[in-house]
């Protein structure tokens, strides 16, 4: 993670890690601190995409974003992770869940310029 990373983006990283951890524990039987290889790769990919997000601090949730930066296969995988982990986040990570819910109402304030 970049030292210059904003609090908002740092929270996005934590939320993705928490959701993937919940999913991995439920589907692959791994403990919270030990993810399977597939889920570790998904976390790394999500972090990379978040670091390159053009909206950064002004970003909404990925589901409401006009730019789809995940490739189609991984986007479908992340949807499955979120469908499974989302309801469980309320009990396991209530503050992250609440803030993620609120972020869904954000509007991307930055417009992307098209060449």
N, C-alpha and C. Protein backbone atom coordinates (compact mmCIF):
# COMPACT_ATOMS: atom_id res chain seq x y z
N UNK A 1 0.82 -1.19 0.00
CA UNK A 1 0.00 0.00 0.00
C UNK A 1 0.87 1.25 0.00
N UNK A 2 0.44 2.22 -0.72
CA UNK A 2 1.15 3.48 -0.83
C UNK A 2 0.98 4.28 0.46
N UNK A 3 2.06 4.87 0.95
CA UNK A 3 2.01 5.67 2.17
C UNK A 3 1.12 6.89 2.00
N UNK A 4 0.98 7.37 0.77
CA UNK A 4 0.17 8.55 0.50
C UNK A 4 -1.31 8.20 0.34
N UNK A 5 -1.66 6.96 0.51
CA UNK A 5 -3.03 6.52 0.30
C UNK A 5 -3.98 7.21 1.29
N UNK A 6 -5.12 7.62 0.79
CA UNK A 6 -6.09 8.32 1.62
C UNK A 6 -6.80 7.35 2.56
N UNK A 7 -7.43 7.92 3.57
CA UNK A 7 -8.19 7.09 4.51
C UNK A 7 -9.30 6.33 3.79
N UNK A 8 -9.94 6.98 2.87
CA UNK A 8 -11.05 6.37 2.12
C UNK A 8 -10.58 5.15 1.35
N UNK A 9 -9.47 5.28 0.65
CA UNK A 9 -8.97 4.16 -0.14
C UNK A 9 -8.39 3.07 0.76
N UNK A 10 -7.81 3.46 1.87
CA UNK A 10 -7.32 2.47 2.83
C UNK A 10 -8.48 1.63 3.34
N UNK A 11 -9.61 2.27 3.60
CA UNK A 11 -10.81 1.56 4.05
C UNK A 11 -11.33 0.63 2.95
N UNK A 12 -11.25 1.06 1.70
CA UNK A 12 -11.67 0.20 0.59
C UNK A 12 -10.83 -1.08 0.55
N UNK A 13 -9.54 -0.92 0.76
CA UNK A 13 -8.64 -2.08 0.80
C UNK A 13 -9.06 -3.03 1.93
N UNK A 14 -9.31 -2.49 3.11
CA UNK A 14 -9.71 -3.30 4.27
C UNK A 14 -11.04 -4.00 4.02
N UNK A 15 -11.96 -3.30 3.40
CA UNK A 15 -13.27 -3.88 3.12
C UNK A 15 -13.15 -5.06 2.16
N UNK A 16 -12.37 -4.90 1.10
CA UNK A 16 -12.18 -6.00 0.15
C UNK A 16 -11.49 -7.19 0.82
N UNK A 17 -10.47 -6.92 1.61
CA UNK A 17 -9.79 -8.01 2.33
C UNK A 17 -10.76 -8.74 3.25
N UNK A 18 -11.58 -7.99 3.98
CA UNK A 18 -12.54 -8.60 4.90
C UNK A 18 -13.55 -9.46 4.15
N UNK A 19 -14.07 -8.95 3.05
CA UNK A 19 -15.06 -9.71 2.28
C UNK A 19 -14.46 -10.99 1.69
N UNK A 20 -13.28 -10.88 1.15
CA UNK A 20 -12.64 -12.06 0.56
C UNK A 20 -12.28 -13.07 1.64
N UNK A 21 -11.89 -12.59 2.80
CA UNK A 21 -11.57 -13.47 3.92
C UNK A 21 -12.81 -14.25 4.38
N UNK A 22 -13.94 -13.56 4.48
CA UNK A 22 -15.19 -14.22 4.86
C UNK A 22 -15.57 -15.27 3.83
N UNK A 23 -15.44 -14.91 2.56
CA UNK A 23 -15.76 -15.84 1.47
C UNK A 23 -14.85 -17.06 1.52
N UNK A 24 -13.56 -16.84 1.67
CA UNK A 24 -12.59 -17.93 1.67
C UNK A 24 -12.85 -18.88 2.85
N UNK A 25 -13.11 -18.30 4.00
CA UNK A 25 -13.39 -19.12 5.18
C UNK A 25 -14.64 -19.97 4.96
N UNK A 26 -15.67 -19.39 4.33
CA UNK A 26 -16.93 -20.11 4.11
C UNK A 26 -16.88 -21.12 2.98
N UNK A 27 -16.08 -20.87 1.95
CA UNK A 27 -16.06 -21.74 0.79
C UNK A 27 -14.84 -22.66 0.71
N UNK A 28 -13.74 -22.22 1.28
CA UNK A 28 -12.51 -22.99 1.15
C UNK A 28 -11.99 -23.48 2.50
N UNK A 29 -12.69 -23.15 3.59
CA UNK A 29 -12.34 -23.64 4.91
C UNK A 29 -11.06 -23.06 5.48
N UNK A 30 -10.64 -21.94 4.97
CA UNK A 30 -9.40 -21.34 5.46
C UNK A 30 -9.69 -20.43 6.64
N UNK A 31 -8.69 -20.20 7.47
CA UNK A 31 -8.86 -19.30 8.60
C UNK A 31 -8.70 -17.86 8.13
N UNK A 32 -9.08 -16.93 8.98
CA UNK A 32 -9.08 -15.52 8.61
C UNK A 32 -7.70 -15.03 8.19
N UNK A 33 -6.66 -15.51 8.83
CA UNK A 33 -5.32 -15.02 8.53
C UNK A 33 -4.61 -15.83 7.44
N UNK A 34 -5.23 -16.89 6.97
CA UNK A 34 -4.60 -17.72 5.95
C UNK A 34 -5.57 -17.96 4.82
N UNK A 35 -5.40 -17.24 3.77
CA UNK A 35 -6.26 -17.39 2.60
C UNK A 35 -5.69 -18.45 1.67
N UNK A 36 -6.56 -19.08 0.88
CA UNK A 36 -6.10 -20.01 -0.13
C UNK A 36 -5.40 -19.23 -1.25
N UNK A 37 -4.73 -19.92 -2.12
CA UNK A 37 -3.98 -19.28 -3.20
C UNK A 37 -4.90 -18.44 -4.09
N UNK A 38 -6.06 -18.97 -4.43
CA UNK A 38 -7.01 -18.26 -5.31
C UNK A 38 -7.48 -16.96 -4.67
N UNK A 39 -7.79 -16.99 -3.39
CA UNK A 39 -8.28 -15.80 -2.70
C UNK A 39 -7.15 -14.79 -2.45
N UNK A 40 -5.93 -15.27 -2.23
CA UNK A 40 -4.80 -14.35 -2.11
C UNK A 40 -4.60 -13.60 -3.42
N UNK A 41 -4.73 -14.31 -4.52
CA UNK A 41 -4.59 -13.68 -5.84
C UNK A 41 -5.71 -12.67 -6.08
N UNK A 42 -6.91 -12.98 -5.62
CA UNK A 42 -8.04 -12.06 -5.78
C UNK A 42 -7.82 -10.79 -4.95
N UNK A 43 -7.30 -10.93 -3.74
CA UNK A 43 -6.99 -9.77 -2.90
C UNK A 43 -5.93 -8.91 -3.59
N UNK A 44 -4.89 -9.53 -4.10
CA UNK A 44 -3.81 -8.79 -4.77
C UNK A 44 -4.36 -8.04 -5.98
N UNK A 45 -5.21 -8.70 -6.77
CA UNK A 45 -5.80 -8.06 -7.95
C UNK A 45 -6.69 -6.88 -7.53
N UNK A 46 -7.51 -7.08 -6.49
CA UNK A 46 -8.39 -6.01 -6.02
C UNK A 46 -7.57 -4.80 -5.54
N UNK A 47 -6.49 -5.06 -4.81
CA UNK A 47 -5.63 -3.96 -4.35
C UNK A 47 -5.03 -3.20 -5.53
N UNK A 48 -4.59 -3.95 -6.52
CA UNK A 48 -4.00 -3.32 -7.71
C UNK A 48 -5.02 -2.43 -8.40
N UNK A 49 -6.23 -2.93 -8.56
CA UNK A 49 -7.28 -2.15 -9.22
C UNK A 49 -7.67 -0.93 -8.38
N UNK A 50 -7.77 -1.08 -7.07
CA UNK A 50 -8.09 0.06 -6.21
C UNK A 50 -7.01 1.14 -6.29
N UNK A 51 -5.76 0.71 -6.32
CA UNK A 51 -4.66 1.66 -6.41
C UNK A 51 -4.70 2.45 -7.71
N UNK A 52 -5.26 1.86 -8.75
CA UNK A 52 -5.32 2.52 -10.05
C UNK A 52 -6.67 3.16 -10.35
N UNK A 53 -7.56 3.14 -9.39
CA UNK A 53 -8.91 3.70 -9.59
C UNK A 53 -8.79 5.19 -9.93
N UNK A 54 -9.41 5.64 -11.02
CA UNK A 54 -9.30 7.05 -11.40
C UNK A 54 -10.06 7.99 -10.46
N UNK A 55 -10.98 7.46 -9.65
CA UNK A 55 -11.80 8.30 -8.79
C UNK A 55 -11.21 8.48 -7.40
N UNK A 56 -10.43 7.52 -6.94
CA UNK A 56 -9.76 7.55 -5.64
C UNK A 56 -10.70 8.01 -4.52
N UNK A 57 -10.42 9.13 -3.89
CA UNK A 57 -11.17 9.59 -2.72
C UNK A 57 -12.66 9.81 -3.03
N UNK A 58 -12.99 10.09 -4.27
CA UNK A 58 -14.37 10.37 -4.65
C UNK A 58 -15.09 9.14 -5.18
N UNK A 59 -14.52 7.99 -5.00
CA UNK A 59 -15.08 6.78 -5.60
C UNK A 59 -16.34 6.32 -4.89
N UNK A 60 -17.26 5.80 -5.67
CA UNK A 60 -18.44 5.15 -5.14
C UNK A 60 -18.10 3.66 -5.01
N UNK A 61 -19.06 2.83 -4.71
CA UNK A 61 -18.78 1.39 -4.70
C UNK A 61 -18.58 0.93 -6.14
N UNK A 62 -17.87 -0.14 -6.31
CA UNK A 62 -17.56 -0.62 -7.67
C UNK A 62 -18.84 -0.96 -8.44
N UNK A 63 -19.86 -1.45 -7.75
CA UNK A 63 -21.10 -1.81 -8.43
C UNK A 63 -21.77 -0.60 -9.07
N UNK A 64 -21.55 0.59 -8.52
CA UNK A 64 -22.17 1.81 -9.04
C UNK A 64 -21.23 2.63 -9.90
N UNK A 65 -20.07 2.11 -10.19
CA UNK A 65 -19.05 2.87 -10.91
C UNK A 65 -19.28 2.79 -12.43
N UNK A 66 -19.08 3.92 -13.14
CA UNK A 66 -19.24 3.91 -14.59
C UNK A 66 -18.06 3.24 -15.31
N UNK A 67 -16.95 3.05 -14.63
CA UNK A 67 -15.77 2.43 -15.21
C UNK A 67 -15.62 1.03 -14.63
N UNK A 68 -15.54 0.03 -15.49
CA UNK A 68 -15.36 -1.34 -15.00
C UNK A 68 -13.90 -1.73 -15.21
N UNK A 69 -13.13 -1.64 -14.14
CA UNK A 69 -11.69 -1.87 -14.27
C UNK A 69 -11.31 -3.33 -14.00
N UNK A 70 -12.24 -4.15 -13.48
CA UNK A 70 -11.96 -5.57 -13.31
C UNK A 70 -12.28 -6.27 -14.64
N UNK A 71 -11.50 -7.29 -14.98
CA UNK A 71 -11.87 -8.01 -16.20
C UNK A 71 -13.14 -8.81 -15.91
N UNK A 72 -13.85 -9.22 -16.94
CA UNK A 72 -15.19 -9.81 -16.80
C UNK A 72 -15.22 -11.03 -15.89
N UNK A 73 -14.25 -11.93 -16.01
CA UNK A 73 -14.24 -13.14 -15.18
C UNK A 73 -14.07 -12.79 -13.71
N UNK A 74 -13.15 -11.90 -13.43
CA UNK A 74 -12.91 -11.53 -12.03
C UNK A 74 -14.06 -10.71 -11.49
N UNK A 75 -14.67 -9.87 -12.30
CA UNK A 75 -15.82 -9.09 -11.87
C UNK A 75 -16.94 -10.02 -11.41
N UNK A 76 -17.15 -11.10 -12.16
CA UNK A 76 -18.18 -12.07 -11.78
C UNK A 76 -17.81 -12.78 -10.47
N UNK A 77 -16.53 -13.10 -10.31
CA UNK A 77 -16.06 -13.73 -9.08
C UNK A 77 -16.27 -12.80 -7.88
N UNK A 78 -15.95 -11.51 -8.05
CA UNK A 78 -16.11 -10.54 -6.97
C UNK A 78 -17.60 -10.36 -6.63
N UNK A 79 -18.46 -10.41 -7.62
CA UNK A 79 -19.91 -10.35 -7.33
C UNK A 79 -20.32 -11.51 -6.43
N UNK A 80 -19.81 -12.70 -6.73
CA UNK A 80 -20.12 -13.87 -5.89
C UNK A 80 -19.59 -13.70 -4.48
N UNK A 81 -18.38 -13.16 -4.37
CA UNK A 81 -17.79 -12.91 -3.05
C UNK A 81 -18.67 -11.93 -2.28
N UNK A 82 -19.09 -10.86 -2.93
CA UNK A 82 -19.88 -9.84 -2.25
C UNK A 82 -21.29 -10.34 -1.90
N UNK A 83 -21.86 -11.17 -2.77
CA UNK A 83 -23.18 -11.74 -2.44
C UNK A 83 -23.10 -12.61 -1.19
N UNK A 84 -22.01 -13.35 -1.07
CA UNK A 84 -21.84 -14.22 0.09
C UNK A 84 -21.43 -13.43 1.33
N UNK A 85 -20.42 -12.57 1.18
CA UNK A 85 -19.83 -11.90 2.34
C UNK A 85 -20.64 -10.69 2.81
N UNK A 86 -21.35 -10.04 1.90
CA UNK A 86 -22.08 -8.82 2.25
C UNK A 86 -22.95 -8.95 3.49
N UNK A 87 -23.88 -9.91 3.51
CA UNK A 87 -24.73 -10.05 4.69
C UNK A 87 -23.95 -10.41 5.97
N UNK A 88 -22.87 -11.12 5.83
CA UNK A 88 -22.07 -11.52 6.99
C UNK A 88 -21.21 -10.37 7.52
N UNK A 89 -20.93 -9.40 6.66
CA UNK A 89 -20.14 -8.24 7.08
C UNK A 89 -20.85 -7.47 8.20
N UNK A 90 -22.17 -7.45 8.18
CA UNK A 90 -22.93 -6.72 9.19
C UNK A 90 -22.59 -7.25 10.59
N UNK A 91 -22.38 -8.55 10.71
CA UNK A 91 -22.07 -9.15 12.01
C UNK A 91 -20.59 -9.19 12.32
N UNK A 92 -19.78 -9.41 11.30
CA UNK A 92 -18.34 -9.59 11.51
C UNK A 92 -17.54 -8.29 11.45
N UNK A 93 -17.98 -7.36 10.62
CA UNK A 93 -17.29 -6.07 10.45
C UNK A 93 -18.35 -4.98 10.30
N UNK A 94 -19.12 -4.70 11.35
CA UNK A 94 -20.27 -3.79 11.21
C UNK A 94 -19.91 -2.38 10.74
N UNK A 95 -18.81 -1.82 11.21
CA UNK A 95 -18.45 -0.47 10.80
C UNK A 95 -18.07 -0.42 9.32
N UNK A 96 -17.26 -1.38 8.87
CA UNK A 96 -16.90 -1.42 7.45
C UNK A 96 -18.15 -1.62 6.59
N UNK A 97 -19.08 -2.47 7.06
CA UNK A 97 -20.31 -2.72 6.31
C UNK A 97 -21.15 -1.45 6.19
N UNK A 98 -21.28 -0.73 7.29
CA UNK A 98 -22.07 0.50 7.28
C UNK A 98 -21.44 1.54 6.36
N UNK A 99 -20.15 1.72 6.46
CA UNK A 99 -19.47 2.71 5.62
C UNK A 99 -19.52 2.32 4.13
N UNK A 100 -19.43 1.02 3.85
CA UNK A 100 -19.55 0.57 2.46
C UNK A 100 -20.96 0.84 1.93
N UNK A 101 -21.95 0.61 2.77
CA UNK A 101 -23.33 0.89 2.39
C UNK A 101 -23.51 2.38 2.07
N UNK A 102 -22.98 3.24 2.92
CA UNK A 102 -23.07 4.68 2.71
C UNK A 102 -22.32 5.08 1.44
N UNK A 103 -21.17 4.47 1.20
CA UNK A 103 -20.39 4.77 -0.01
C UNK A 103 -21.18 4.48 -1.28
N UNK A 104 -22.11 3.56 -1.21
CA UNK A 104 -22.94 3.22 -2.37
C UNK A 104 -23.80 4.38 -2.83
N UNK A 105 -24.03 5.35 -1.95
CA UNK A 105 -24.83 6.51 -2.31
C UNK A 105 -24.00 7.66 -2.85
N UNK A 106 -22.67 7.50 -2.83
CA UNK A 106 -21.79 8.55 -3.36
C UNK A 106 -21.96 8.66 -4.86
N UNK A 107 -21.72 9.81 -5.36
CA UNK A 107 -21.66 10.02 -6.80
C UNK A 107 -20.21 10.32 -7.14
N UNK A 108 -19.72 9.75 -8.22
CA UNK A 108 -18.36 10.05 -8.65
C UNK A 108 -18.33 11.52 -9.06
N UNK A 109 -17.53 12.30 -8.35
CA UNK A 109 -17.49 13.74 -8.59
C UNK A 109 -16.53 14.10 -9.71
N UNK A 110 -15.61 13.24 -9.98
CA UNK A 110 -14.61 13.50 -11.01
C UNK A 110 -15.08 12.92 -12.33
N UNK A 111 -15.05 13.67 -13.37
CA UNK A 111 -15.40 13.16 -14.70
C UNK A 111 -14.13 12.70 -15.39
N UNK A 112 -14.22 11.58 -16.04
CA UNK A 112 -13.08 11.09 -16.80
C UNK A 112 -13.11 11.72 -18.18
N UNK A 113 -11.98 12.18 -18.62
CA UNK A 113 -11.92 12.76 -19.95
C UNK A 113 -11.66 11.66 -20.97
N UNK A 114 -12.39 11.69 -22.02
CA UNK A 114 -12.23 10.71 -23.10
C UNK A 114 -11.38 11.34 -24.20
N UNK A 115 -10.39 10.61 -24.70
CA UNK A 115 -9.55 11.15 -25.78
C UNK A 115 -10.32 11.33 -27.07
